[in-house]
Amino acid sequence: MLLKYKLIDESKKNKARLGEFEYNGVVYKTPMFMPVGTNATVKTLSPEELKEIGSGIILANTYHLWLRPGEDIVSEAGGLHKFMNYDGPILTDSGGYQVFSLAKPKDINDDGVRFKNHLNGDELFLTPEKSIEIQMKLQSDIVMSFDECVKWPSTYEYVQNSVERTLSWAKRGREVFNSPDQMLFGIVQGGEYEDLRKHCAEKLVEMNFDGYSIGGTSVGEDKKTMYKMVEYSTKYLPKDRLRYLMGVGDPIDLIENVMRGIDIFDCVSPTRLARHGHAYTKNGKINLKNNKYKRDFTPIDETCSCYACKHYTKAYIKHLINAEETFGARLLSIHNISFLHNLMAEIRKNIESDTLAEFRDKFILEYYGEGYEYK
């Protein structure tokens, strides 16, 4: 089912936007955080739990599903929604980020990328056409163009060549995309160079994608550089299309990038942190493996109303994590995703009142403490 984005309001003080879209009779509001379900599952959580804690779009990974179980099996099952029993919207990434982490520079050319299967060592070749074809078989709602994810820092000359390759791949993917029930997003690359970001964004807009993503961030750069990359990209994108910042989930980055015009985010961090015993709280991130929580019979966060905080204590969850019981990771995953969903709800509320900058300053003081500096 094709979802249609509607811009509702914009801040008069910054670039923050309120929007919404309808899917299967449910209205979803943006800005929004998307949990990551790499292998067609958000680790340790059921679709019912995701819906209960307020998840909207979730993300699945093209590369991993291509390797197993294979796009043909997912297609035979009726597509990702039926295969994983999730009736909300699903976005699939192109597989580009995973492929480029496995490939050597010499194996990247204008045709595609040659790399080794991380599971069995087989040699594989992924092209923009193949990435789109896989995603059409997966039957996700939002399909991502295949792009080159550039490392940071990279030289101007390398990024310039990479942008041209990304644009060529976007055009080739656009030409094979023929699914009326899916949306196709272009991905803005260009590193930290404003003229390259501008060029990439404007050329993608000429191709008239259904939405646009900002790529090439969260690849080792400092926060100020990330924020510049986002600013350099969003200023050239149309207002009536969704804007998606890939792989960003640190709480302050959600706030700052909403203020720069981003609508949707994804990141593996809430579930990854949970598996290592970490939890978000309004006063910062905590590590429940620490001994000081051994006799702490209070909730993870007393201001949170999620299932984990309503029913369990830090001491119990610490015990589960130390004993390597999966339930501990489940509880922390529920809490961490709930925390980010609640943060996005607060962000939306403050966009409505045009007080997001004040909310950011208060959040930084509570979450990071006095003297916090962007790094």
Protein backbone atom coordinates (compact mmCIF):
# COMPACT_ATOMS: atom_id res chain seq x y z
CA MET A 1 0.00 0.00 0.00
CA LEU A 2 1.46 3.35 -1.06
CA LEU A 3 1.79 5.80 1.83
CA LYS A 4 1.40 9.51 1.08
CA TYR A 5 3.29 12.10 3.12
CA LYS A 6 1.59 15.35 4.08
CA LEU A 7 3.46 18.33 5.51
CA ILE A 8 1.40 19.82 8.35
CA ASP A 9 3.49 22.63 9.81
CA GLU A 10 6.98 24.11 9.92
CA SER A 11 8.81 25.93 12.69
CA LYS A 12 9.30 29.65 12.21
CA LYS A 13 12.58 29.50 14.16
CA ASN A 14 14.36 26.56 12.51
CA LYS A 15 13.81 23.87 9.85
CA ALA A 16 11.74 21.47 12.02
CA ARG A 17 8.66 20.00 10.29
CA LEU A 18 5.48 18.30 11.44
CA GLY A 19 3.98 15.80 9.04
CA GLU A 20 1.84 12.70 8.78
CA PHE A 21 0.96 9.83 6.50
CA GLU A 22 -1.81 7.22 6.48
CA TYR A 23 -1.17 3.50 6.10
CA ASN A 24 -3.75 0.70 6.47
CA GLY A 25 -6.17 3.16 8.02
CA VAL A 26 -3.68 4.32 10.67
CA VAL A 27 -2.28 7.87 10.72
CA TYR A 28 1.41 8.07 11.61
CA LYS A 29 3.02 11.33 12.66
CA THR A 30 6.49 12.60 11.84
CA PRO A 31 9.22 13.23 12.95
CA MET A 32 9.52 9.52 13.70
CA PHE A 33 12.16 7.02 14.83
CA MET A 34 12.25 3.65 13.02
CA PRO A 35 13.48 0.53 14.89
CA VAL A 36 15.79 -1.69 12.83
CA GLY A 37 14.69 -5.24 12.00
CA THR A 38 17.78 -6.36 10.07
CA ASN A 39 16.68 -9.96 9.42
CA ALA A 40 12.95 -9.18 9.24
CA THR A 41 12.76 -8.99 13.03
CA VAL A 42 13.62 -6.29 15.57
CA LYS A 43 15.93 -8.28 17.81
CA THR A 44 14.13 -10.01 20.74
CA LEU A 45 10.80 -8.21 20.12
CA SER A 46 7.54 -9.34 18.51
CA PRO A 47 5.53 -7.22 16.04
CA GLU A 48 2.78 -6.96 18.66
CA GLU A 49 5.24 -5.50 21.20
CA LEU A 50 6.54 -3.01 18.63
CA LYS A 51 3.03 -1.78 17.92
CA GLU A 52 2.22 -1.58 21.63
CA ILE A 53 5.21 0.68 22.31
CA GLY A 54 4.30 2.96 19.39
CA SER A 55 6.45 1.89 16.46
CA GLY A 56 5.43 3.00 12.98
CA ILE A 57 7.81 2.32 10.11
CA ILE A 58 10.38 -0.39 10.79
CA LEU A 59 13.45 -1.12 8.71
CA ALA A 60 14.63 -4.42 7.20
CA ASN A 61 17.94 -5.07 5.47
CA THR A 62 18.14 -5.97 1.79
CA TYR A 63 21.64 -7.44 1.94
CA HIS A 64 20.92 -9.81 4.82
CA LEU A 65 17.55 -10.94 3.44
CA TRP A 66 19.11 -11.50 0.02
CA LEU A 67 21.57 -13.95 1.62
CA ARG A 68 18.99 -15.66 3.83
CA PRO A 69 16.30 -16.72 3.37
CA GLY A 70 16.49 -15.13 -0.10
CA GLU A 71 14.12 -12.68 -1.74
CA ASP A 72 12.29 -15.43 -3.64
CA ILE A 73 11.25 -17.18 -0.41
CA VAL A 74 10.02 -13.90 1.08
CA SER A 75 8.09 -13.24 -2.14
CA GLU A 76 6.53 -16.71 -2.05
CA ALA A 77 5.42 -16.03 1.53
CA GLY A 78 3.51 -12.98 0.31
CA GLY A 79 6.16 -10.35 0.98
CA LEU A 80 7.75 -9.03 4.16
CA HIS A 81 4.49 -8.01 5.84
CA LYS A 82 3.07 -11.53 5.75
CA PHE A 83 6.43 -13.22 6.24
CA MET A 84 7.13 -11.37 9.51
CA ASN A 85 3.49 -10.64 10.49
CA TYR A 86 3.88 -6.85 10.60
CA ASP A 87 0.99 -4.81 9.21
CA GLY A 88 2.65 -1.44 9.64
CA PRO A 89 4.88 0.23 7.04
CA ILE A 90 8.29 -1.30 6.25
CA LEU A 91 11.36 0.34 4.72
CA THR A 92 14.19 -1.69 3.18
CA ASP A 93 17.64 -0.20 2.84
CA SER A 94 19.55 -0.92 -0.36
CA GLY A 95 22.28 -3.07 1.17
CA GLY A 96 24.85 -0.47 0.17
CA TYR A 97 26.21 0.23 3.65
CA GLN A 98 26.82 -3.48 4.36
CA VAL A 99 28.29 -4.13 0.92
CA PHE A 100 30.76 -1.26 1.13
CA SER A 101 31.93 -2.39 4.55
CA LEU A 102 32.80 -5.75 2.96
CA ALA A 103 34.22 -4.51 -0.36
CA LYS A 104 37.71 -3.25 -1.16
CA PRO A 105 38.03 0.03 -3.09
CA LYS A 106 39.39 -1.80 -6.13
CA ASP A 107 36.20 -3.89 -6.27
CA ILE A 108 33.92 -0.85 -6.63
CA ASN A 109 33.29 0.29 -10.18
CA ASP A 110 30.58 1.99 -12.19
CA ASP A 111 28.83 -1.33 -12.87
CA GLY A 112 28.42 -2.31 -9.21
CA VAL A 113 30.29 -3.78 -6.24
CA ARG A 114 32.10 -7.10 -5.94
CA PHE A 115 32.49 -8.48 -2.41
CA LYS A 116 32.52 -11.66 -0.36
CA ASN A 117 29.49 -13.12 1.38
CA HIS A 118 30.22 -12.68 5.09
CA LEU A 119 28.50 -16.00 5.87
CA ASN A 120 30.35 -18.40 3.57
CA GLY A 121 32.93 -16.40 1.63
CA ASP A 122 31.23 -16.74 -1.77
CA GLU A 123 31.95 -13.95 -4.23
CA LEU A 124 28.92 -11.76 -4.94
CA PHE A 125 28.22 -8.84 -7.26
CA LEU A 126 25.54 -6.28 -6.45
CA THR A 127 24.32 -3.71 -8.94
CA PRO A 128 21.77 -0.91 -8.55
CA GLU A 129 19.32 -2.87 -10.69
CA LYS A 130 19.75 -6.00 -8.56
CA SER A 131 19.23 -4.07 -5.32
CA ILE A 132 15.95 -2.61 -6.60
CA GLU A 133 14.78 -5.97 -7.96
CA ILE A 134 15.43 -7.64 -4.58
CA GLN A 135 13.50 -4.93 -2.74
CA MET A 136 10.56 -5.19 -5.13
CA LYS A 137 10.39 -8.92 -4.38
CA LEU A 138 10.58 -8.21 -0.65
CA GLN A 139 7.51 -5.96 -1.13
CA SER A 140 8.55 -3.33 1.37
CA ASP A 141 6.69 -0.02 1.31
CA ILE A 142 9.76 2.18 0.93
CA VAL A 143 12.62 1.10 -1.34
CA MET A 144 16.05 2.74 -1.18
CA SER A 145 18.28 3.50 -4.15
CA PHE A 146 21.68 1.80 -4.27
CA ASP A 147 24.38 4.35 -3.46
CA GLU A 148 28.05 4.49 -2.59
CA CYS A 149 28.50 5.13 1.12
CA VAL A 150 31.75 7.10 1.36
CA LYS A 151 34.06 6.86 4.34
CA TRP A 152 34.91 9.93 6.36
CA PRO A 153 37.19 11.71 5.83
CA SER A 154 37.57 11.35 2.07
CA THR A 155 39.18 13.68 -0.43
CA TYR A 156 37.10 16.08 -2.50
CA GLU A 157 38.15 14.32 -5.69
CA TYR A 158 37.06 10.89 -4.41
CA VAL A 159 33.72 12.17 -3.12
CA GLN A 160 33.09 14.03 -6.37
CA ASN A 161 33.56 10.83 -8.38
CA SER A 162 31.47 8.91 -5.86
CA VAL A 163 28.58 11.37 -6.19
CA GLU A 164 28.51 10.89 -9.95
CA ARG A 165 28.46 7.13 -9.44
CA THR A 166 25.63 7.42 -6.91
CA LEU A 167 23.64 9.57 -9.34
CA SER A 168 24.22 7.11 -12.18
CA TRP A 169 23.12 4.23 -9.95
CA ALA A 170 20.04 6.19 -8.82
CA LYS A 171 19.03 6.71 -12.45
CA ARG A 172 19.60 3.04 -13.32
CA GLY A 173 17.59 1.88 -10.31
CA ARG A 174 14.82 4.34 -11.17
CA GLU A 175 14.59 2.84 -14.65
CA VAL A 176 13.97 -0.73 -13.42
CA PHE A 177 11.64 0.25 -10.56
CA ASN A 178 8.09 -0.49 -11.68
CA SER A 179 6.10 -1.24 -8.51
CA PRO A 180 2.98 0.96 -8.10
CA ASP A 181 2.56 -0.09 -4.46
CA GLN A 182 6.05 0.93 -3.33
CA MET A 183 7.85 4.26 -2.90
CA LEU A 184 11.40 4.79 -4.14
CA PHE A 185 13.81 7.13 -2.32
CA GLY A 186 16.96 8.75 -3.70
CA ILE A 187 19.99 9.12 -1.41
CA VAL A 188 21.96 12.38 -1.16
CA GLN A 189 25.70 11.86 -0.85
CA GLY A 190 28.57 14.36 -1.03
CA GLY A 191 30.55 13.99 2.18
CA GLU A 192 31.19 17.25 4.01
CA TYR A 193 31.33 19.31 0.81
CA GLU A 194 28.35 21.63 0.36
CA ASP A 195 28.67 22.04 -3.40
CA LEU A 196 28.68 18.25 -3.87
CA ARG A 197 25.68 17.81 -1.57
CA LYS A 198 23.86 20.54 -3.48
CA HIS A 199 24.71 18.97 -6.84
CA CYS A 200 23.63 15.50 -5.71
CA ALA A 201 20.37 16.72 -4.15
CA GLU A 202 19.38 18.83 -7.16
CA LYS A 203 20.06 16.03 -9.65
CA LEU A 204 18.04 13.56 -7.54
CA VAL A 205 15.15 16.02 -7.31
CA GLU A 206 15.19 16.23 -11.12
CA MET A 207 14.64 12.45 -11.15
CA ASN A 208 11.50 13.02 -9.03
CA PHE A 209 11.84 10.41 -6.29
CA ASP A 210 9.00 9.73 -3.82
CA GLY A 211 11.24 10.74 -0.92
CA TYR A 212 14.86 11.54 -0.18
CA SER A 213 17.44 10.21 2.22
CA ILE A 214 20.66 11.73 3.50
CA GLY A 215 23.51 9.23 3.45
CA GLY A 216 27.18 9.30 4.35
CA THR A 217 26.69 10.36 7.99
CA SER A 218 27.50 8.43 11.17
CA VAL A 219 30.64 7.11 9.46
CA GLY A 220 33.14 8.46 11.99
CA GLU A 221 32.64 12.20 11.70
CA ASP A 222 32.10 14.50 14.70
CA LYS A 223 28.60 15.79 15.43
CA LYS A 224 29.17 19.30 14.07
CA THR A 225 30.31 17.83 10.76
CA MET A 226 27.25 15.55 10.66
CA TYR A 227 24.93 18.48 11.25
CA LYS A 228 26.61 20.42 8.42
CA MET A 229 26.16 17.45 6.07
CA VAL A 230 22.45 17.38 6.89
CA GLU A 231 22.05 21.15 6.44
CA TYR A 232 23.88 21.00 3.11
CA SER A 233 21.41 18.34 1.95
CA THR A 234 17.95 19.27 3.24
CA LYS A 235 18.08 22.87 2.00
CA TYR A 236 17.87 21.61 -1.59
CA LEU A 237 15.09 19.04 -1.10
CA PRO A 238 11.38 19.58 -1.83
CA LYS A 239 9.14 20.29 1.15
CA ASP A 240 6.39 17.86 0.13
CA ARG A 241 8.52 14.68 0.35
CA LEU A 242 9.73 12.65 3.33
CA ARG A 243 13.32 13.22 4.40
CA TYR A 244 15.16 10.32 5.97
CA LEU A 245 18.51 10.44 7.82
CA MET A 246 20.09 6.99 7.74
CA GLY A 247 21.71 5.28 10.72
CA VAL A 248 21.35 8.07 13.30
CA GLY A 249 19.88 7.38 16.75
CA ASP A 250 21.77 9.23 19.50
CA PRO A 251 19.09 11.25 21.35
CA ILE A 252 20.71 14.65 20.83
CA ASP A 253 21.23 13.86 17.14
CA LEU A 254 17.50 13.22 16.74
CA ILE A 255 16.67 16.65 18.16
CA GLU A 256 19.39 18.53 16.28
CA ASN A 257 18.61 16.93 12.94
CA VAL A 258 14.85 17.46 13.28
CA MET A 259 15.80 21.13 13.65
CA ARG A 260 17.58 20.75 10.32
CA GLY A 261 14.54 19.38 8.50
CA ILE A 262 14.66 15.58 8.97
CA ASP A 263 11.42 13.56 9.26
CA ILE A 264 12.47 9.94 9.88
CA PHE A 265 15.48 8.23 11.46
CA ASP A 266 16.71 4.69 12.01
CA CYS A 267 19.46 3.16 14.11
CA VAL A 268 20.37 -0.22 15.64
CA SER A 269 21.54 1.47 18.85
CA PRO A 270 18.48 0.96 21.13
CA THR A 271 18.51 -2.84 20.76
CA ARG A 272 22.29 -3.14 20.51
CA LEU A 273 22.76 -1.14 23.69
CA ALA A 274 20.08 -3.26 25.36
CA ARG A 275 21.97 -6.48 24.62
CA HIS A 276 24.98 -4.99 26.41
CA GLY A 277 23.02 -3.87 29.46
CA HIS A 278 22.69 -0.18 28.62
CA ALA A 279 19.53 1.87 29.02
CA TYR A 280 18.47 5.38 28.09
CA THR A 281 17.08 7.51 30.93
CA LYS A 282 16.08 11.17 31.13
CA ASN A 283 19.30 11.74 33.07
CA GLY A 284 21.55 9.99 30.57
CA LYS A 285 22.57 6.50 29.56
CA ILE A 286 23.24 3.96 32.31
CA ASN A 287 25.00 0.58 32.36
CA LEU A 288 23.02 -1.93 34.42
CA LYS A 289 26.05 -4.21 34.65
CA ASN A 290 27.48 -1.81 37.23
CA ASN A 291 27.44 -3.12 40.81
CA LYS A 292 25.67 -0.04 42.14
CA TYR A 293 22.41 -1.41 40.66
CA LYS A 294 22.64 -4.74 42.49
CA ARG A 295 20.20 -3.62 45.18
CA ASP A 296 18.44 -0.89 43.21
CA PHE A 297 14.77 -1.86 43.35
CA THR A 298 13.53 1.15 41.36
CA PRO A 299 12.51 1.22 37.68
CA ILE A 300 15.01 1.99 34.92
CA ASP A 301 13.44 5.44 34.62
CA GLU A 302 10.71 6.54 37.03
CA THR A 303 9.28 8.93 34.41
CA CYS A 304 8.80 6.12 31.86
CA SER A 305 5.56 4.12 31.57
CA CYS A 306 6.85 1.31 29.32
CA TYR A 307 6.22 -2.35 30.21
CA ALA A 308 9.75 -2.79 31.58
CA CYS A 309 9.58 0.26 33.84
CA LYS A 310 6.06 -0.54 35.09
CA HIS A 311 6.87 -4.10 36.15
CA TYR A 312 10.61 -4.60 36.76
CA THR A 313 13.51 -3.09 38.68
CA LYS A 314 17.10 -2.27 37.81
CA ALA A 315 18.25 -4.99 40.19
CA TYR A 316 16.21 -7.67 38.45
CA ILE A 317 17.24 -6.59 34.97
CA LYS A 318 20.89 -6.41 36.10
CA HIS A 319 20.56 -10.00 37.31
CA LEU A 320 19.12 -11.09 33.94
CA ILE A 321 21.87 -9.37 31.97
CA ASN A 322 24.61 -10.84 34.15
CA ALA A 323 23.04 -14.29 33.84
CA GLU A 324 22.83 -13.79 30.04
CA GLU A 325 19.08 -14.33 30.11
CA THR A 326 17.38 -13.11 26.91
CA PHE A 327 14.53 -11.58 28.91
CA GLY A 328 16.91 -8.91 30.18
CA ALA A 329 17.77 -7.81 26.64
CA ARG A 330 14.06 -7.91 25.75
CA LEU A 331 13.11 -5.64 28.63
CA LEU A 332 15.87 -3.16 27.86
CA SER A 333 14.98 -3.20 24.16
CA ILE A 334 11.35 -2.41 25.00
CA HIS A 335 12.49 0.42 27.23
CA ASN A 336 15.10 1.90 24.86
CA ILE A 337 12.79 1.92 21.85
CA SER A 338 10.00 3.36 24.02
CA PHE A 339 12.39 6.08 25.18
CA LEU A 340 13.15 7.15 21.61
CA HIS A 341 9.48 7.02 20.60
CA ASN A 342 8.60 9.16 23.63
CA LEU A 343 11.42 11.56 22.75
CA MET A 344 10.02 11.93 19.23
CA ALA A 345 6.57 12.63 20.69
CA GLU A 346 8.10 15.40 22.84
CA ILE A 347 9.88 16.75 19.78
CA ARG A 348 6.59 16.86 17.85
CA LYS A 349 4.86 18.62 20.75
CA ASN A 350 7.60 21.25 20.88
CA ILE A 351 7.47 21.81 17.12
CA GLU A 352 3.77 22.58 17.53
CA SER A 353 4.54 25.22 20.18
CA ASP A 354 7.73 26.30 18.33
CA THR A 355 9.79 25.71 21.49
CA LEU A 356 12.11 22.99 20.15
CA ALA A 357 15.30 24.99 20.74
CA GLU A 358 14.33 25.51 24.38
CA PHE A 359 13.45 21.81 24.70
CA ARG A 360 16.86 20.89 23.24
CA ASP A 361 18.69 23.04 25.78
CA LYS A 362 16.72 21.55 28.68
CA PHE A 363 17.26 18.02 27.34
CA ILE A 364 21.02 18.54 27.06
CA LEU A 365 21.21 19.80 30.63
CA GLU A 366 19.23 16.82 32.02
CA TYR A 367 20.70 14.10 29.79
CA TYR A 368 24.34 15.15 29.43
CA GLY A 369 24.84 17.61 32.29
CA GLU A 370 26.40 21.07 32.41
CA GLY A 371 29.32 21.80 30.15
CA TYR A 372 28.27 19.37 27.40
CA GLU A 373 30.04 19.99 24.09
CA TYR A 374 29.28 18.39 20.72
CA LYS A 375 32.00 15.91 19.74
